[in-house]
Amino acid sequence: MELNETVYTLRVSHVGEFMTPNAPQVRKGRKFDQVLEGARTVFMADGFEGASVDEIARVASVSKATLYSYFPDKRLLFMEVANAECGRQAQEAMDYIDMDAAPREVLTQAAHHFLRFITSTFGLQIFRICVAESDRFPEIGQSFYNSGPAMMRQEMAEYFRSAEARGVLKIDDYDLAADQFGDLCKTDIWPRLIFGVSKSVTEAEITRVVDGAVDMFMARYGT
């Protein structure tokens, strides 16, 4: 057990078959980030079901007692990793994309980044677990939505606002346009993966969907 641990309550409540009715608490100590990085490595490699506590502790170079002292349930640990990964992906996209470029270039870059993540093994695992658990634990779904889809929606809406101010797009409802663009990027590929029709997608398939999404969006909102 780590000394001088600060305790904070996650947005997730009642998680874990053996939890009490009270909201579970996660202890945040000096090895917290170390545990998260180890868990991220294992979850990315083995998925949620395949990831064992023993392997996470080994990769994180901590004892199982330390891991359990921070995260009393594996779902809590996965959701913390998922939230951090969504935030990391969003930040990478913002750092990578030149928001002052022409709309077609910005949209193409954003769509590629978004689609590669949601069709990745880890991205699909995050979505499936959130859907599976959100009926019993609504806070899990809300937490994922806030750290992923809602963040993308907000960033795209802000871009559309600035692009319209420059006269390169003509949009009345920025939030609706952001939602539409996100759904255009999922066309065919994402549903096939979610429902198990396809096991993977190629870069050529992603490019085909991205190009179609950008063409459709620009036909509606381009100036």
Protein backbone atom coordinates (compact mmCIF):
# COMPACT_ATOMS: atom_id res chain seq x y z
CA MET A 1 0.00 0.00 0.00
CA GLU A 2 1.25 3.47 -0.87
CA LEU A 3 1.52 6.16 1.78
CA ASN A 4 -0.01 9.61 1.53
CA GLU A 5 -2.57 8.48 -1.02
CA THR A 6 -5.27 10.89 -2.08
CA VAL A 7 -8.66 9.38 -2.68
CA TYR A 8 -10.98 10.47 -5.40
CA THR A 9 -14.25 9.03 -6.67
CA LEU A 10 -14.59 8.18 -10.34
CA ARG A 11 -17.72 8.96 -12.29
CA VAL A 12 -18.46 5.23 -12.37
CA SER A 13 -20.58 3.87 -9.51
CA HIS A 14 -21.61 0.42 -8.28
CA VAL A 15 -19.02 -1.29 -10.46
CA GLY A 16 -17.97 -4.84 -9.67
CA GLU A 17 -19.94 -7.87 -8.62
CA PHE A 18 -18.60 -7.77 -5.08
CA MET A 19 -18.79 -4.02 -4.54
CA THR A 20 -20.88 -2.45 -1.85
CA PRO A 21 -23.81 -0.22 -2.87
CA ASN A 22 -21.60 2.79 -2.22
CA ALA A 23 -19.66 4.34 -5.10
CA PRO A 24 -16.26 2.63 -5.39
CA GLN A 25 -13.22 4.69 -4.70
CA VAL A 26 -9.86 4.64 -6.41
CA ARG A 27 -6.72 5.49 -4.50
CA LYS A 28 -4.36 7.76 -6.38
CA GLY A 29 -0.76 7.46 -5.26
CA ARG A 30 2.74 7.94 -6.63
CA LYS A 31 2.58 4.79 -8.79
CA PHE A 32 -0.85 5.60 -10.24
CA ASP A 33 0.48 6.69 -13.66
CA GLN A 34 2.80 3.68 -13.69
CA VAL A 35 -0.18 1.36 -13.19
CA LEU A 36 -2.15 3.12 -15.93
CA GLU A 37 0.68 2.80 -18.44
CA GLY A 38 1.12 -0.88 -17.66
CA ALA A 39 -2.62 -1.47 -17.94
CA ARG A 40 -2.76 0.38 -21.26
CA THR A 41 -0.01 -1.84 -22.67
CA VAL A 42 -1.77 -5.03 -21.58
CA PHE A 43 -5.27 -3.95 -22.62
CA MET A 44 -3.99 -2.89 -26.03
CA ALA A 45 -2.31 -6.27 -26.50
CA ASP A 46 -4.82 -8.66 -24.89
CA GLY A 47 -8.14 -6.81 -24.76
CA PHE A 48 -10.35 -6.49 -21.70
CA GLU A 49 -11.24 -10.15 -21.19
CA GLY A 50 -7.76 -11.41 -21.99
CA ALA A 51 -5.98 -8.97 -19.69
CA SER A 52 -5.09 -10.51 -16.34
CA VAL A 53 -4.40 -8.62 -13.15
CA ASP A 54 -1.17 -10.59 -12.76
CA GLU A 55 0.07 -9.47 -16.19
CA ILE A 56 -0.92 -5.84 -15.61
CA ALA A 57 0.92 -5.80 -12.28
CA ARG A 58 3.98 -7.41 -13.89
CA VAL A 59 4.12 -4.96 -16.81
CA ALA A 60 3.51 -2.01 -14.47
CA SER A 61 6.23 -3.29 -12.10
CA VAL A 62 3.94 -3.09 -9.07
CA SER A 63 2.52 -5.65 -6.70
CA LYS A 64 -1.04 -6.91 -7.05
CA ALA A 65 -1.75 -5.36 -3.66
CA THR A 66 -0.72 -1.94 -4.97
CA LEU A 67 -2.81 -2.38 -8.11
CA TYR A 68 -5.89 -3.39 -6.12
CA SER A 69 -5.33 -0.54 -3.69
CA TYR A 70 -5.69 1.88 -6.61
CA PHE A 71 -8.35 0.05 -8.63
CA PRO A 72 -10.68 -2.34 -6.78
CA ASP A 73 -12.26 -3.51 -10.04
CA LYS A 74 -10.82 -4.21 -13.50
CA ARG A 75 -13.63 -2.28 -15.20
CA LEU A 76 -12.62 0.86 -13.31
CA LEU A 77 -9.05 0.42 -14.47
CA PHE A 78 -10.12 -0.15 -18.07
CA MET A 79 -12.35 2.92 -18.10
CA GLU A 80 -9.57 5.10 -16.70
CA VAL A 81 -7.27 3.79 -19.43
CA ALA A 82 -10.02 4.30 -22.04
CA ASN A 83 -10.67 7.90 -20.96
CA ALA A 84 -6.96 8.67 -21.01
CA GLU A 85 -6.60 7.06 -24.46
CA CYS A 86 -9.53 9.03 -25.89
CA GLY A 87 -8.03 12.22 -24.52
CA ARG A 88 -4.64 11.31 -25.97
CA GLN A 89 -6.14 10.59 -29.39
CA ALA A 90 -8.02 13.88 -29.38
CA GLN A 91 -4.88 15.82 -28.42
CA GLU A 92 -2.85 14.04 -31.11
CA ALA A 93 -5.46 14.97 -33.69
CA MET A 94 -5.38 18.61 -32.63
CA ASP A 95 -1.57 18.64 -32.75
CA TYR A 96 -1.45 16.91 -36.12
CA ILE A 97 -4.17 18.74 -38.04
CA ASP A 98 -3.55 22.22 -39.46
CA MET A 99 -6.83 23.94 -38.63
CA ASP A 100 -5.95 26.87 -40.88
CA ALA A 101 -5.71 24.68 -43.98
CA ALA A 102 -8.48 24.40 -46.58
CA PRO A 103 -11.62 22.62 -45.28
CA ARG A 104 -11.16 19.59 -47.53
CA GLU A 105 -7.66 19.02 -46.12
CA VAL A 106 -8.74 19.53 -42.50
CA LEU A 107 -11.73 17.22 -42.86
CA THR A 108 -9.68 14.54 -44.59
CA GLN A 109 -7.04 14.55 -41.87
CA ALA A 110 -9.62 14.56 -39.07
CA ALA A 111 -11.60 11.74 -40.68
CA HIS A 112 -8.54 9.53 -41.14
CA HIS A 113 -7.48 10.01 -37.53
CA PHE A 114 -11.00 9.40 -36.20
CA LEU A 115 -11.67 6.35 -38.33
CA ARG A 116 -8.34 4.70 -37.61
CA PHE A 117 -9.01 4.96 -33.89
CA ILE A 118 -12.62 3.76 -33.81
CA THR A 119 -11.79 0.81 -36.08
CA SER A 120 -8.72 -0.18 -34.06
CA THR A 121 -8.92 -3.21 -31.80
CA PHE A 122 -8.70 -1.04 -28.71
CA GLY A 123 -11.26 1.47 -30.00
CA LEU A 124 -13.74 -1.32 -30.71
CA GLN A 125 -13.12 -2.89 -27.30
CA ILE A 126 -13.80 0.40 -25.55
CA PHE A 127 -17.09 0.84 -27.40
CA ARG A 128 -18.30 -2.72 -26.81
CA ILE A 129 -17.52 -2.68 -23.11
CA CYS A 130 -19.20 0.70 -22.63
CA VAL A 131 -22.34 -0.52 -24.40
CA ALA A 132 -22.35 -3.80 -22.49
CA GLU A 133 -21.99 -2.13 -19.10
CA SER A 134 -23.89 1.14 -19.59
CA ASP A 135 -27.31 -0.38 -18.89
CA ARG A 136 -26.27 -1.45 -15.39
CA PHE A 137 -23.75 1.34 -14.89
CA PRO A 138 -24.86 4.45 -16.86
CA GLU A 139 -21.88 6.43 -15.61
CA ILE A 140 -19.57 4.24 -17.69
CA GLY A 141 -21.34 5.22 -20.90
CA GLN A 142 -21.48 8.87 -19.87
CA SER A 143 -17.78 8.88 -19.02
CA PHE A 144 -16.86 7.38 -22.39
CA TYR A 145 -19.15 9.75 -24.28
CA ASN A 146 -17.67 12.79 -22.56
CA SER A 147 -14.07 11.76 -23.19
CA GLY A 148 -14.61 10.61 -26.79
CA PRO A 149 -17.61 11.48 -28.99
CA ALA A 150 -18.51 14.67 -27.14
CA MET A 151 -14.94 15.94 -27.35
CA MET A 152 -14.78 15.33 -31.10
CA ARG A 153 -18.17 16.99 -31.55
CA GLN A 154 -17.03 20.08 -29.67
CA GLU A 155 -13.73 20.38 -31.53
CA MET A 156 -15.34 19.95 -34.95
CA ALA A 157 -18.10 22.43 -34.12
CA GLU A 158 -15.48 24.99 -33.11
CA TYR A 159 -13.61 24.42 -36.35
CA PHE A 160 -16.80 24.84 -38.37
CA ARG A 161 -17.51 28.09 -36.57
CA SER A 162 -14.09 29.50 -37.44
CA ALA A 163 -14.24 28.15 -41.01
CA GLU A 164 -17.57 29.85 -41.61
CA ALA A 165 -16.17 33.10 -40.21
CA ARG A 166 -13.43 32.86 -42.86
CA GLY A 167 -16.06 32.26 -45.53
CA VAL A 168 -14.83 28.78 -46.52
CA LEU A 169 -17.86 26.89 -45.18
CA LYS A 170 -21.54 27.82 -44.86
CA ILE A 171 -23.11 26.16 -41.82
CA ASP A 172 -26.14 27.16 -39.75
CA ASP A 173 -25.99 24.46 -37.05
CA TYR A 174 -22.40 23.65 -36.07
CA ASP A 175 -23.26 20.82 -33.68
CA LEU A 176 -25.52 19.12 -36.23
CA ALA A 177 -22.83 19.41 -38.88
CA ALA A 178 -20.28 17.85 -36.51
CA ASP A 179 -22.64 14.94 -35.80
CA GLN A 180 -23.31 14.47 -39.51
CA PHE A 181 -19.63 14.42 -40.35
CA GLY A 182 -18.89 11.86 -37.65
CA ASP A 183 -21.61 9.55 -38.94
CA LEU A 184 -20.47 9.95 -42.55
CA CYS A 185 -17.02 8.78 -41.46
CA LYS A 186 -18.49 5.56 -40.03
CA THR A 187 -20.29 4.56 -43.23
CA ASP A 188 -20.25 0.79 -43.83
CA ILE A 189 -16.87 0.09 -42.22
CA TRP A 190 -17.72 0.67 -38.56
CA PRO A 191 -21.07 -1.21 -38.48
CA ARG A 192 -19.45 -4.21 -40.16
CA LEU A 193 -16.78 -4.32 -37.48
CA ILE A 194 -19.19 -3.79 -34.59
CA PHE A 195 -21.50 -6.60 -35.75
CA GLY A 196 -18.65 -8.96 -36.56
CA VAL A 197 -19.29 -9.02 -40.31
CA SER A 198 -15.67 -7.99 -40.85
CA LYS A 199 -12.68 -8.65 -38.63
CA SER A 200 -10.51 -5.82 -39.93
CA VAL A 201 -10.38 -3.01 -42.46
CA THR A 202 -7.71 -1.98 -44.92
CA GLU A 203 -6.22 1.45 -45.42
CA ALA A 204 -7.79 1.48 -48.88
CA GLU A 205 -11.25 0.94 -47.35
CA ILE A 206 -10.67 3.76 -44.87
CA THR A 207 -9.55 6.10 -47.63
CA ARG A 208 -12.61 5.23 -49.73
CA VAL A 209 -14.98 6.06 -46.87
CA VAL A 210 -13.09 9.22 -45.90
CA ASP A 211 -13.06 10.56 -49.44
CA GLY A 212 -16.78 9.89 -49.80
CA ALA A 213 -17.56 11.52 -46.44
CA VAL A 214 -15.57 14.65 -47.28
CA ASP A 215 -17.11 14.90 -50.76
CA MET A 216 -20.62 14.59 -49.33
CA PHE A 217 -19.95 17.12 -46.56
CA MET A 218 -18.39 19.67 -48.90
CA ALA A 219 -21.26 19.29 -51.37
CA ARG A 220 -23.64 20.32 -48.58
CA TYR A 221 -21.61 22.91 -46.69
CA GLY A 222 -18.85 24.07 -49.03
CA THR A 223 -18.86 27.62 -50.43
